[in-house]
């Protein structure tokens, strides 16, 4: 009798372990199967064979995301150090963005030296992600876990220095961690670029998901 109970418990533990493994690996596997078509409209396709194997890096530090960049993260870029970002599609409301910060476990981070919200240029904002099953818009280590689900036409709301701005998503694509082109400043209009590692939860963080949105001039208000 005891042997039978032991076998049943062992079998249940094995099944439970398998279910947990499937639960963890399913988003990454699904991404691998359809990711090539989901982000087919790349501006900068990830070069063939490019893989970043920095699994031991601390990705709660924004400076580790684009290791080839020479930007100094401690530089001061504005008298306003913080502002707020909301994405209704993802359930994100009034998330704090730190300008020129470093710790992605405490807030979203605006890459230093990039344009301020509402100004001509490109405000680049980093956000951390983990497995989408554990998405929590109130936890900055998980806040961008569902960013891959955003689509063209969705809105990003920014509240900066007492002024509200609405940006409309125009492009969603991927780049490699050595592609610094997405940090460039396009002064033809006002843009924001949201960035997270992808696929969410992947231990090696091999690519960067890019969501680019343009300012809606009708969405500016006090």
Protein backbone atom coordinates (compact mmCIF):
# COMPACT_ATOMS: atom_id res chain seq x y z
CA UNK A 1 0.00 0.00 0.00
CA UNK A 2 2.76 2.44 0.97
CA UNK A 3 4.66 1.58 -2.20
CA UNK A 4 1.57 2.30 -4.32
CA UNK A 5 1.03 5.66 -2.58
CA UNK A 6 4.70 6.52 -3.10
CA UNK A 7 4.44 5.71 -6.80
CA UNK A 8 1.28 7.80 -7.17
CA UNK A 9 2.92 10.77 -5.41
CA UNK A 10 6.02 10.39 -7.57
CA UNK A 11 3.93 10.29 -10.73
CA UNK A 12 1.95 13.36 -9.67
CA UNK A 13 5.18 15.25 -8.92
CA UNK A 14 6.54 14.32 -12.35
CA UNK A 15 3.37 15.50 -14.08
CA UNK A 16 3.37 18.71 -12.05
CA UNK A 17 7.00 19.35 -12.95
CA UNK A 18 6.25 18.78 -16.62
CA UNK A 19 3.28 21.15 -16.50
CA UNK A 20 5.41 23.84 -14.85
CA UNK A 21 8.08 23.40 -17.53
CA UNK A 22 5.50 23.71 -20.31
CA UNK A 23 3.98 26.76 -18.59
CA UNK A 24 7.37 28.47 -18.46
CA UNK A 25 8.58 27.49 -21.93
CA UNK A 26 5.35 27.97 -23.89
CA UNK A 27 5.69 31.76 -24.45
CA UNK A 28 9.30 31.43 -25.61
CA UNK A 29 8.47 28.48 -27.89
CA UNK A 30 5.44 30.27 -29.34
CA UNK A 31 7.55 33.36 -29.94
CA UNK A 32 10.20 31.30 -31.75
CA UNK A 33 7.58 29.75 -34.02
CA UNK A 34 5.74 32.92 -35.08
CA UNK A 35 8.10 35.77 -34.17
CA UNK A 36 9.49 35.99 -37.68
CA UNK A 37 6.10 36.85 -39.12
CA UNK A 38 4.75 38.88 -36.20
CA UNK A 39 7.40 41.55 -36.66
CA UNK A 40 7.82 41.29 -40.41
CA UNK A 41 7.81 45.07 -40.92
CA UNK A 42 11.30 45.62 -39.54
CA UNK A 43 13.12 48.88 -40.05
CA UNK A 44 16.33 47.15 -39.01
CA UNK A 45 16.12 43.36 -39.24
CA UNK A 46 18.23 41.41 -36.80
CA UNK A 47 21.32 40.27 -38.73
CA UNK A 48 21.33 36.58 -39.58
CA UNK A 49 22.93 34.57 -36.83
CA UNK A 50 23.30 37.47 -34.40
CA UNK A 51 22.85 36.20 -30.88
CA UNK A 52 23.77 37.95 -27.67
CA UNK A 53 25.01 35.43 -25.11
CA UNK A 54 25.24 37.73 -22.12
CA UNK A 55 22.95 35.69 -19.91
CA UNK A 56 24.93 36.58 -16.81
CA UNK A 57 24.40 40.33 -17.25
CA UNK A 58 22.17 42.27 -14.88
CA UNK A 59 19.36 43.53 -17.08
CA UNK A 60 17.83 45.65 -14.37
CA UNK A 61 20.67 48.07 -15.28
CA UNK A 62 19.78 50.06 -18.37
CA UNK A 63 23.42 50.52 -19.41
CA UNK A 64 23.73 46.76 -20.11
CA UNK A 65 21.06 46.76 -22.82
CA UNK A 66 23.19 48.27 -25.59
CA UNK A 67 26.75 47.49 -24.46
CA UNK A 68 28.36 49.15 -27.50
CA UNK A 69 26.87 52.55 -26.69
CA UNK A 70 29.23 55.17 -25.29
CA UNK A 71 26.50 57.27 -23.68
CA UNK A 72 27.18 58.05 -20.03
CA UNK A 73 24.09 57.19 -18.02
CA UNK A 74 24.80 59.63 -15.22
CA UNK A 75 24.62 62.70 -17.45
CA UNK A 76 21.93 65.27 -16.60
CA UNK A 77 19.55 65.99 -19.48
CA UNK A 78 16.68 67.92 -17.93
CA UNK A 79 15.64 69.88 -14.86
CA UNK A 80 12.65 67.51 -14.80
CA UNK A 81 13.91 64.15 -13.57
CA UNK A 82 10.67 62.15 -13.66
CA UNK A 83 7.46 61.96 -15.66
CA UNK A 84 4.58 59.52 -16.15
CA UNK A 85 3.64 57.06 -18.89
CA UNK A 86 0.37 55.20 -19.44
CA UNK A 87 -0.55 52.53 -22.02
CA UNK A 88 -4.27 51.69 -21.77
CA UNK A 89 -3.88 48.66 -24.06
CA UNK A 90 -1.50 47.04 -21.54
CA UNK A 91 -3.14 48.27 -18.35
CA UNK A 92 -0.18 50.50 -17.51
CA UNK A 93 -1.21 53.68 -15.69
CA UNK A 94 1.03 56.53 -14.54
CA UNK A 95 4.24 54.49 -14.57
CA UNK A 96 7.24 56.55 -13.50
CA UNK A 97 9.91 57.28 -16.11
CA UNK A 98 13.29 58.42 -14.79
CA UNK A 99 15.33 60.57 -17.17
CA UNK A 100 18.91 59.34 -17.40
CA UNK A 101 18.41 56.74 -14.67
CA UNK A 102 19.89 53.26 -14.44
CA UNK A 103 17.77 50.99 -12.21
CA UNK A 104 14.97 49.33 -14.18
CA UNK A 105 13.65 47.60 -11.07
CA UNK A 106 12.60 51.00 -9.71
CA UNK A 107 11.13 52.73 -12.78
CA UNK A 108 11.10 52.95 -16.54
CA UNK A 109 14.26 54.66 -17.81
CA UNK A 110 14.59 57.32 -20.51
CA UNK A 111 17.89 56.89 -22.32
CA UNK A 112 20.07 59.92 -21.54
CA UNK A 113 20.56 62.51 -24.22
CA UNK A 114 17.44 61.51 -26.18
CA UNK A 115 14.68 64.05 -26.86
CA UNK A 116 12.33 65.09 -24.12
CA UNK A 117 8.59 64.32 -24.52
CA UNK A 118 6.81 66.81 -26.74
CA UNK A 119 10.05 67.97 -28.36
CA UNK A 120 11.27 67.14 -31.84
CA UNK A 121 13.37 64.02 -31.78
CA UNK A 122 13.15 60.56 -30.28
CA UNK A 123 12.53 59.92 -26.56
CA UNK A 124 13.86 56.40 -25.94
CA UNK A 125 12.33 54.58 -22.96
CA UNK A 126 13.51 51.24 -21.54
CA UNK A 127 11.31 48.87 -19.55
CA UNK A 128 12.11 45.48 -18.01
CA UNK A 129 10.20 42.29 -18.87
CA UNK A 130 9.85 38.75 -17.58
CA UNK A 131 7.63 35.82 -18.58
CA UNK A 132 4.25 37.27 -19.65
CA UNK A 133 2.42 34.92 -17.26
CA UNK A 134 3.84 37.01 -14.43
CA UNK A 135 3.02 40.40 -15.97
CA UNK A 136 2.27 43.06 -13.39
CA UNK A 137 1.91 46.70 -14.46
CA UNK A 138 2.77 47.78 -10.91
CA UNK A 139 6.06 45.84 -10.84
CA UNK A 140 8.83 47.52 -12.82
CA UNK A 141 10.68 44.24 -13.34
CA UNK A 142 7.60 42.93 -15.18
CA UNK A 143 5.99 46.09 -16.58
CA UNK A 144 6.84 45.56 -20.28
CA UNK A 145 6.26 41.78 -20.31
CA UNK A 146 3.24 42.13 -22.62
CA UNK A 147 4.71 44.88 -24.81
CA UNK A 148 4.93 42.46 -27.80
CA UNK A 149 1.11 42.39 -27.87
CA UNK A 150 0.84 46.10 -28.64
CA UNK A 151 -0.11 46.96 -32.20
CA UNK A 152 -0.21 49.86 -34.61
CA UNK A 153 -2.73 52.50 -33.65
CA UNK A 154 -2.53 51.88 -29.90
CA UNK A 155 -1.87 54.97 -27.80
CA UNK A 156 0.84 55.87 -25.33
CA UNK A 157 0.07 58.72 -22.93
CA UNK A 158 2.83 60.86 -21.47
CA UNK A 159 2.46 63.41 -18.66
CA UNK A 160 5.58 65.58 -18.67
CA UNK A 161 6.12 68.81 -16.75
CA UNK A 162 2.38 69.44 -16.40
CA UNK A 163 1.54 68.78 -20.06
CA UNK A 164 -0.19 65.68 -21.43
CA UNK A 165 0.89 64.15 -24.75
CA UNK A 166 -0.61 61.31 -26.76
CA UNK A 167 1.58 59.22 -29.03
CA UNK A 168 0.21 56.74 -31.57
CA UNK A 169 2.11 53.51 -32.28
CA UNK A 170 3.31 53.33 -35.88
CA UNK A 171 5.87 50.53 -35.92
CA UNK A 172 6.74 47.40 -33.94
CA UNK A 173 9.96 45.60 -34.84
CA UNK A 174 13.12 43.99 -33.45
CA UNK A 175 16.84 44.73 -33.50
CA UNK A 176 19.94 43.12 -32.10
CA UNK A 177 21.72 44.50 -29.00
CA UNK A 178 24.49 45.97 -31.17
CA UNK A 179 22.12 47.96 -33.40
CA UNK A 180 22.34 51.51 -32.07
CA UNK A 181 20.40 53.05 -34.96
CA UNK A 182 17.21 52.98 -32.93
CA UNK A 183 18.76 55.52 -30.52
CA UNK A 184 19.18 58.04 -33.34
CA UNK A 185 17.30 61.35 -33.26
CA UNK A 186 14.78 62.04 -36.03
CA UNK A 187 13.95 65.72 -35.69
CA UNK A 188 11.28 65.75 -38.40
CA UNK A 189 8.68 65.15 -35.66
CA UNK A 190 8.25 64.11 -32.03
CA UNK A 191 8.59 60.37 -31.35
CA UNK A 192 8.89 57.99 -28.45
CA UNK A 193 10.56 54.59 -28.70
CA UNK A 194 9.71 51.90 -26.13
CA UNK A 195 12.28 49.12 -25.74
CA UNK A 196 12.36 45.83 -23.88
CA UNK A 197 14.28 42.58 -24.19
CA UNK A 198 12.61 39.89 -26.24
CA UNK A 199 11.37 37.25 -26.08
CA UNK A 200 10.17 38.16 -22.57
CA UNK A 201 11.61 35.77 -20.02
CA UNK A 202 14.35 34.42 -22.32
CA UNK A 203 17.46 33.89 -20.14
CA UNK A 204 19.90 35.24 -22.77
CA UNK A 205 17.85 38.33 -23.74
CA UNK A 206 18.94 37.93 -27.40
CA UNK A 207 16.96 40.72 -29.08
CA UNK A 208 15.37 44.10 -28.41
CA UNK A 209 11.70 44.78 -29.15
CA UNK A 210 11.13 48.28 -30.49
CA UNK A 211 7.79 50.09 -30.35
CA UNK A 212 7.87 53.45 -32.07
CA UNK A 213 5.08 56.01 -31.72
CA UNK A 214 4.54 59.50 -33.14
CA UNK A 215 3.06 62.49 -31.32
CA UNK A 216 -0.59 63.21 -32.07
CA UNK A 217 -0.79 67.03 -32.18
CA UNK A 218 -4.48 66.84 -31.30
CA UNK A 219 -3.66 64.98 -28.09
CA UNK A 220 -1.68 67.74 -26.38
CA UNK A 221 -3.28 69.28 -23.30
CA UNK A 222 -2.61 70.77 -19.89
